Amino acid sequence: MTAKELKDKVDFYVSHGHEDDVVLITLANRSVGGRASTAVQNVVTGFDWEHGQIRIEPEEKLYREGRTKSNPLKTINIKYIYDSCVAIKRHCPRCESSIRKDDSYCSRCGQKVVVTDEIRHEYDNRRKK
């Protein structure tokens, strides 16, 4: 949706008697009665990487479904090959901190993790002969 499309919709509702209605963001959470929602805290224009965007900021933090810290994410596994050994380093997919093989949560950010054997990157550090 563009800013003009949003303005046209808001102008239409305001012209039909809704100028004092509260603006809410509908959430995906299940609810009884009215749909779950959170209020709009602010509307701001983006800058730097968000240049050319208008951001609606909710009062409560919103997350994409399945992307909260309690939803497990696979570790990022990197394989390092040396002359004398092979090492696999595991990293948190959220903050990239090191993860031990028996960890269930990242000790730095608290993200729930699942340690897998899938190698995402491989670096060969053997000396050339």
Protein backbone atom coordinates (compact mmCIF):
# COMPACT_ATOMS: atom_id res chain seq x y z
CA MET A 1 0.00 0.00 0.00
CA THR A 2 1.31 3.47 -0.82
CA ALA A 3 0.94 6.61 1.29
CA LYS A 4 -1.59 7.96 -1.25
CA GLU A 5 -3.70 4.79 -1.06
CA LEU A 6 -3.65 4.98 2.76
CA LYS A 7 -4.58 8.70 2.67
CA ASP A 8 -7.48 8.04 0.27
CA LYS A 9 -8.88 5.33 2.56
CA VAL A 10 -8.48 7.47 5.70
CA ASP A 11 -10.03 10.49 3.94
CA PHE A 12 -13.00 8.35 2.91
CA TYR A 13 -13.59 7.09 6.47
CA VAL A 14 -13.14 10.56 7.99
CA SER A 15 -15.63 12.04 5.49
CA HIS A 16 -18.16 9.38 6.55
CA GLY A 17 -18.08 10.20 10.28
CA HIS A 18 -15.15 8.13 11.56
CA GLU A 19 -12.77 11.00 12.44
CA ASP A 20 -12.80 10.13 16.16
CA ASP A 21 -12.40 6.35 15.76
CA VAL A 22 -9.35 4.74 17.40
CA VAL A 23 -6.78 3.32 14.95
CA LEU A 24 -5.73 -0.26 15.77
CA ILE A 25 -3.54 -2.94 14.19
CA THR A 26 -5.27 -6.33 13.97
CA LEU A 27 -3.20 -9.22 15.39
CA ALA A 28 -3.23 -12.87 14.36
CA ASN A 29 -3.81 -13.98 17.99
CA ARG A 30 -7.01 -15.88 18.64
CA SER A 31 -9.59 -13.97 20.64
CA VAL A 32 -13.18 -14.22 21.80
CA GLY A 33 -15.44 -11.43 20.56
CA GLY A 34 -13.60 -8.62 18.77
CA ARG A 35 -10.37 -9.43 16.99
CA ALA A 36 -7.13 -9.09 18.98
CA SER A 37 -5.39 -5.76 18.33
CA THR A 38 -2.84 -3.22 19.48
CA ALA A 39 -2.98 0.56 19.25
CA VAL A 40 -0.85 2.67 16.92
CA GLN A 41 1.80 4.60 18.83
CA ASN A 42 3.17 6.71 15.97
CA VAL A 43 3.54 7.10 12.21
CA VAL A 44 7.00 8.13 10.98
CA THR A 45 8.94 8.38 7.73
CA GLY A 46 11.90 6.09 7.27
CA PHE A 47 15.51 7.19 6.93
CA ASP A 48 18.77 5.51 5.86
CA TRP A 49 17.87 1.98 4.73
CA GLU A 50 14.16 2.71 5.28
CA HIS A 51 14.18 5.82 3.05
CA GLY A 52 11.04 5.98 0.90
CA GLN A 53 8.91 4.21 3.53
CA ILE A 54 6.28 5.33 6.03
CA ARG A 55 6.37 3.22 9.20
CA ILE A 56 3.38 2.59 11.48
CA GLU A 57 4.71 1.89 14.97
CA PRO A 58 2.49 -0.25 17.25
CA GLU A 59 2.28 0.16 21.03
CA GLU A 60 3.13 -3.53 21.54
CA LYS A 61 5.97 -5.43 19.87
CA LEU A 62 4.78 -7.49 16.92
CA TYR A 63 6.44 -10.62 15.54
CA ARG A 64 5.87 -12.63 12.42
CA GLU A 65 4.12 -15.87 13.26
CA GLY A 66 6.67 -18.53 14.17
CA ARG A 67 9.49 -16.02 14.71
CA THR A 68 9.31 -15.35 18.42
CA LYS A 69 12.18 -16.38 20.68
CA SER A 70 10.12 -19.34 21.93
CA ASN A 71 9.86 -20.79 18.40
CA PRO A 72 12.97 -22.89 17.78
CA LEU A 73 15.26 -21.91 14.90
CA LYS A 74 17.98 -24.09 13.35
CA THR A 75 21.56 -23.24 14.24
CA ILE A 76 23.88 -21.89 11.56
CA ASN A 77 26.67 -24.46 11.27
CA ILE A 78 30.05 -23.58 9.77
CA LYS A 79 32.69 -26.21 9.01
CA TYR A 80 36.38 -25.24 9.25
CA ILE A 81 38.94 -27.62 7.71
CA TYR A 82 42.51 -27.38 9.02
CA ASP A 83 45.62 -29.46 8.34
CA SER A 84 45.27 -31.40 11.58
CA CYS A 85 41.52 -31.33 12.29
CA VAL A 86 38.01 -30.39 11.26
CA ALA A 87 35.95 -28.08 13.48
CA ILE A 88 32.24 -27.30 13.32
CA LYS A 89 31.11 -24.03 14.90
CA ARG A 90 27.40 -23.49 15.64
CA HIS A 91 25.86 -20.03 15.78
CA CYS A 92 22.52 -18.56 16.86
CA PRO A 93 20.41 -17.65 13.80
CA ARG A 94 19.19 -14.48 15.55
CA CYS A 95 22.33 -12.91 17.08
CA GLU A 96 25.11 -15.13 15.59
CA SER A 97 26.56 -15.90 19.02
CA SER A 98 28.29 -19.28 19.53
CA ILE A 99 26.07 -22.23 20.46
CA ARG A 100 27.26 -25.43 22.12
CA LYS A 101 26.04 -28.77 20.73
CA ASP A 102 23.84 -29.47 23.77
CA ASP A 103 22.29 -25.96 24.04
CA SER A 104 18.54 -25.50 23.70
CA TYR A 105 18.66 -21.71 24.01
CA CYS A 106 21.16 -19.04 22.99
CA SER A 107 22.97 -17.82 26.10
CA ARG A 108 23.23 -14.29 24.65
CA CYS A 109 19.74 -13.47 23.26
CA GLY A 110 17.55 -16.30 24.64
CA GLN A 111 16.44 -17.62 21.23
CA LYS A 112 15.28 -21.24 21.38
CA VAL A 113 17.49 -23.27 19.01
CA VAL A 114 17.61 -26.71 17.45
CA VAL A 115 21.11 -28.01 16.80
CA THR A 116 21.25 -29.74 13.41
CA ASP A 117 24.04 -31.38 11.40
CA GLU A 118 23.31 -29.28 8.30
CA ILE A 119 26.45 -27.35 7.24
CA ARG A 120 25.66 -23.85 5.92
CA HIS A 121 29.24 -22.79 5.05
CA GLU A 122 32.57 -24.59 4.70
CA TYR A 123 36.01 -23.00 4.86
CA ASP A 124 39.16 -24.84 3.84
CA ASN A 125 42.07 -23.44 5.88
CA ARG A 126 44.64 -26.11 4.98
CA ARG A 127 48.10 -24.90 4.03
CA LYS A 128 48.84 -25.22 0.36
CA LYS A 129 51.81 -27.49 -0.41
